[in-house]
């Protein structure tokens, strides 16, 4: 099990975040997380999530570590848990046409975004998806790999959550994410 420890050091009015990274000899060392590491982690989020979901260690480099810090933060995990719960709720509601909503400061009317869900697949994995949401929303720390897997599952518009012709099986993805979150 890998771990990222983010240390927040305050000196005067400046705050610096430190992380554990592998050095050239394979030992963990404390290094400062620079602002450009966080910026790169934000710009390359989907690519970094894929690497983390595939098992890359966050300690490999500062950009992966910066992304892992974001993924494992309580606020990000709770937002993902909320997305899972909204997906579950939307999957059990009857098929409705998108409601109209007034566009702010516009003469026209905008349609609320509609995302087609594979309700049958979600219903088959409902208890496991609810378990993922509970694990993510809990106070215990979780590995970045599991959070990255859930994030990718929700964001993949061509995945089994949204498309009938998806190659992957939703139940298998959810099981793997649950295993990764409980390591």
Protein backbone atom coordinates (compact mmCIF):
# COMPACT_ATOMS: atom_id res chain seq x y z
CA UNK A 1 0.00 0.00 0.00
CA UNK A 2 1.40 3.36 -0.95
CA UNK A 3 0.80 6.49 0.99
CA UNK A 4 1.17 10.18 0.45
CA UNK A 5 1.67 12.33 3.46
CA UNK A 6 1.09 15.97 2.78
CA UNK A 7 2.73 18.16 5.35
CA UNK A 8 1.65 21.77 5.57
CA UNK A 9 4.44 23.90 7.00
CA UNK A 10 3.64 27.46 7.98
CA UNK A 11 6.44 29.96 8.34
CA UNK A 12 5.23 33.48 8.90
CA UNK A 13 2.67 34.32 6.25
CA UNK A 14 3.79 31.59 3.79
CA UNK A 15 2.50 28.06 3.66
CA UNK A 16 4.44 25.26 2.00
CA UNK A 17 3.18 21.75 1.31
CA UNK A 18 5.61 18.88 1.47
CA UNK A 19 5.17 15.35 0.15
CA UNK A 20 7.01 12.05 0.24
CA UNK A 21 8.70 11.06 -3.02
CA UNK A 22 11.08 8.31 -4.10
CA UNK A 23 14.67 9.47 -4.52
CA UNK A 24 17.25 8.01 -6.91
CA UNK A 25 18.00 5.19 -4.48
CA UNK A 26 14.35 4.21 -4.00
CA UNK A 27 14.06 5.76 -0.54
CA UNK A 28 11.21 8.05 0.46
CA UNK A 29 12.30 11.63 1.01
CA UNK A 30 10.41 14.77 1.95
CA UNK A 31 10.22 17.29 -0.89
CA UNK A 32 8.42 20.55 -1.36
CA UNK A 33 5.34 20.56 -3.60
CA UNK A 34 5.77 23.53 -5.92
CA UNK A 35 2.91 25.56 -7.44
CA UNK A 36 3.76 24.36 -10.96
CA UNK A 37 3.39 20.74 -9.80
CA UNK A 38 -0.18 21.50 -8.73
CA UNK A 39 -0.84 23.38 -11.99
CA UNK A 40 0.47 20.50 -14.11
CA UNK A 41 -1.57 18.03 -12.04
CA UNK A 42 -4.71 20.02 -12.80
CA UNK A 43 -3.94 20.33 -16.53
CA UNK A 44 -3.05 16.64 -16.90
CA UNK A 45 -5.73 15.34 -14.51
CA UNK A 46 -7.31 12.71 -16.78
CA UNK A 47 -3.96 11.32 -17.91
CA UNK A 48 -2.66 11.21 -14.33
CA UNK A 49 -5.90 9.60 -13.13
CA UNK A 50 -5.41 6.88 -15.75
CA UNK A 51 -1.85 6.23 -14.56
CA UNK A 52 -2.92 6.14 -10.91
CA UNK A 53 -5.89 3.87 -11.71
CA UNK A 54 -3.50 1.53 -13.52
CA UNK A 55 -1.40 1.25 -10.36
CA UNK A 56 1.30 3.92 -10.71
CA UNK A 57 2.75 4.90 -7.35
CA UNK A 58 2.08 8.54 -6.41
CA UNK A 59 5.59 8.70 -4.99
CA UNK A 60 7.09 8.36 -8.50
CA UNK A 61 7.11 12.08 -9.17
CA UNK A 62 5.82 15.37 -7.81
CA UNK A 63 3.06 15.81 -10.41
CA UNK A 64 1.56 12.37 -9.66
CA UNK A 65 1.86 13.14 -5.96
CA UNK A 66 0.11 16.49 -6.43
CA UNK A 67 -2.77 14.76 -8.24
CA UNK A 68 -2.96 12.08 -5.54
CA UNK A 69 -3.21 14.80 -2.88
CA UNK A 70 -6.21 16.28 -4.73
CA UNK A 71 -7.86 12.90 -5.31
CA UNK A 72 -7.56 11.82 -1.70
CA UNK A 73 -8.72 15.12 -0.22
CA UNK A 74 -11.94 14.90 1.76
CA UNK A 75 -13.69 17.51 -0.39
CA UNK A 76 -12.89 15.72 -3.68
CA UNK A 77 -13.94 12.35 -2.28
CA UNK A 78 -17.22 13.75 -0.98
CA UNK A 79 -17.91 15.36 -4.35
CA UNK A 80 -17.34 11.99 -6.07
CA UNK A 81 -19.60 10.28 -3.54
CA UNK A 82 -22.28 12.89 -4.28
CA UNK A 83 -21.93 12.21 -8.00
CA UNK A 84 -22.37 8.48 -7.41
CA UNK A 85 -25.46 9.10 -5.29
CA UNK A 86 -26.96 11.43 -7.91
CA UNK A 87 -26.29 8.81 -10.58
CA UNK A 88 -28.07 6.19 -8.47
CA UNK A 89 -31.00 8.53 -7.85
CA UNK A 90 -31.27 9.45 -11.55
CA UNK A 91 -31.20 5.81 -12.57
CA UNK A 92 -34.30 4.95 -10.56
CA UNK A 93 -36.36 7.96 -11.63
CA UNK A 94 -38.62 7.41 -14.62
CA UNK A 95 -37.51 8.56 -18.06
CA UNK A 96 -38.39 12.20 -18.21
CA UNK A 97 -37.66 14.79 -20.78
CA UNK A 98 -35.15 17.41 -19.73
CA UNK A 99 -36.79 20.24 -17.86
CA UNK A 100 -36.53 23.78 -19.13
CA UNK A 101 -34.69 26.25 -17.02
CA UNK A 102 -34.28 29.96 -17.47
CA UNK A 103 -30.87 30.99 -18.67
CA UNK A 104 -29.36 33.69 -16.55
CA UNK A 105 -29.24 37.10 -18.25
CA UNK A 106 -30.41 35.65 -21.53
CA UNK A 107 -33.48 36.22 -23.63
CA UNK A 108 -33.75 32.54 -24.48
CA UNK A 109 -34.35 29.39 -22.52
CA UNK A 110 -31.72 26.75 -21.94
CA UNK A 111 -32.27 23.03 -21.57
CA UNK A 112 -30.94 21.30 -18.54
CA UNK A 113 -28.17 18.91 -19.57
CA UNK A 114 -29.36 15.36 -20.11
CA UNK A 115 -26.99 12.45 -19.84
CA UNK A 116 -28.37 9.04 -20.80
CA UNK A 117 -27.63 6.46 -18.13
CA UNK A 118 -27.60 2.69 -18.48
CA UNK A 119 -30.29 2.26 -15.84
CA UNK A 120 -30.31 -1.53 -16.12
CA UNK A 121 -26.58 -1.81 -15.45
CA UNK A 122 -26.72 0.72 -12.62
CA UNK A 123 -29.61 -1.18 -11.00
CA UNK A 124 -27.58 -4.42 -11.13
CA UNK A 125 -24.67 -2.73 -9.34
CA UNK A 126 -26.68 -0.34 -7.14
CA UNK A 127 -25.59 -1.73 -3.78
CA UNK A 128 -21.93 -1.80 -4.81
CA UNK A 129 -22.12 1.76 -6.14
CA UNK A 130 -23.72 2.88 -2.87
CA UNK A 131 -20.90 1.12 -1.03
CA UNK A 132 -18.34 3.03 -3.10
CA UNK A 133 -20.09 6.29 -2.25
CA UNK A 134 -20.05 5.41 1.44
CA UNK A 135 -16.38 4.52 1.37
CA UNK A 136 -15.48 7.74 -0.43
CA UNK A 137 -17.55 9.91 1.92
CA UNK A 138 -16.12 8.27 5.04
CA UNK A 139 -13.48 9.87 7.25
CA UNK A 140 -10.85 7.16 6.73
CA UNK A 141 -8.04 7.77 4.25
CA UNK A 142 -8.28 5.84 0.99
CA UNK A 143 -5.69 5.01 -1.68
CA UNK A 144 -5.46 7.33 -4.67
CA UNK A 145 -5.79 4.36 -7.05
CA UNK A 146 -9.37 3.61 -5.97
CA UNK A 147 -10.44 7.26 -6.11
CA UNK A 148 -8.92 7.59 -9.59
CA UNK A 149 -10.83 4.50 -10.74
CA UNK A 150 -14.15 5.93 -9.52
CA UNK A 151 -13.37 9.32 -11.06
CA UNK A 152 -12.62 7.71 -14.42
CA UNK A 153 -15.74 5.56 -14.30
CA UNK A 154 -17.92 8.63 -13.78
CA UNK A 155 -16.11 10.73 -16.40
CA UNK A 156 -15.91 8.12 -19.17
CA UNK A 157 -18.82 8.96 -21.45
CA UNK A 158 -18.10 5.91 -23.58
CA UNK A 159 -18.03 3.60 -20.56
CA UNK A 160 -20.58 1.09 -19.30
CA UNK A 161 -22.27 3.65 -17.06
CA UNK A 162 -23.51 5.55 -20.12
CA UNK A 163 -23.21 3.44 -23.32
CA UNK A 164 -24.88 0.17 -24.21
CA UNK A 165 -22.02 -0.83 -26.53
CA UNK A 166 -19.26 -0.31 -23.98
CA UNK A 167 -16.63 -3.03 -23.96
CA UNK A 168 -16.14 -3.04 -20.19
CA UNK A 169 -18.48 -4.51 -17.60
CA UNK A 170 -19.76 -2.03 -14.98
CA UNK A 171 -19.91 -4.65 -12.25
CA UNK A 172 -16.24 -5.58 -12.81
CA UNK A 173 -15.13 -1.94 -12.75
CA UNK A 174 -17.06 -1.30 -9.54
CA UNK A 175 -15.59 -4.42 -7.89
CA UNK A 176 -12.04 -3.40 -8.82
CA UNK A 177 -12.59 0.13 -7.51
CA UNK A 178 -14.03 -1.21 -4.24
CA UNK A 179 -11.01 -3.50 -3.80
CA UNK A 180 -8.63 -0.62 -4.50
CA UNK A 181 -10.43 1.63 -2.01
CA UNK A 182 -10.24 -0.92 0.81
CA UNK A 183 -6.56 -1.86 0.50
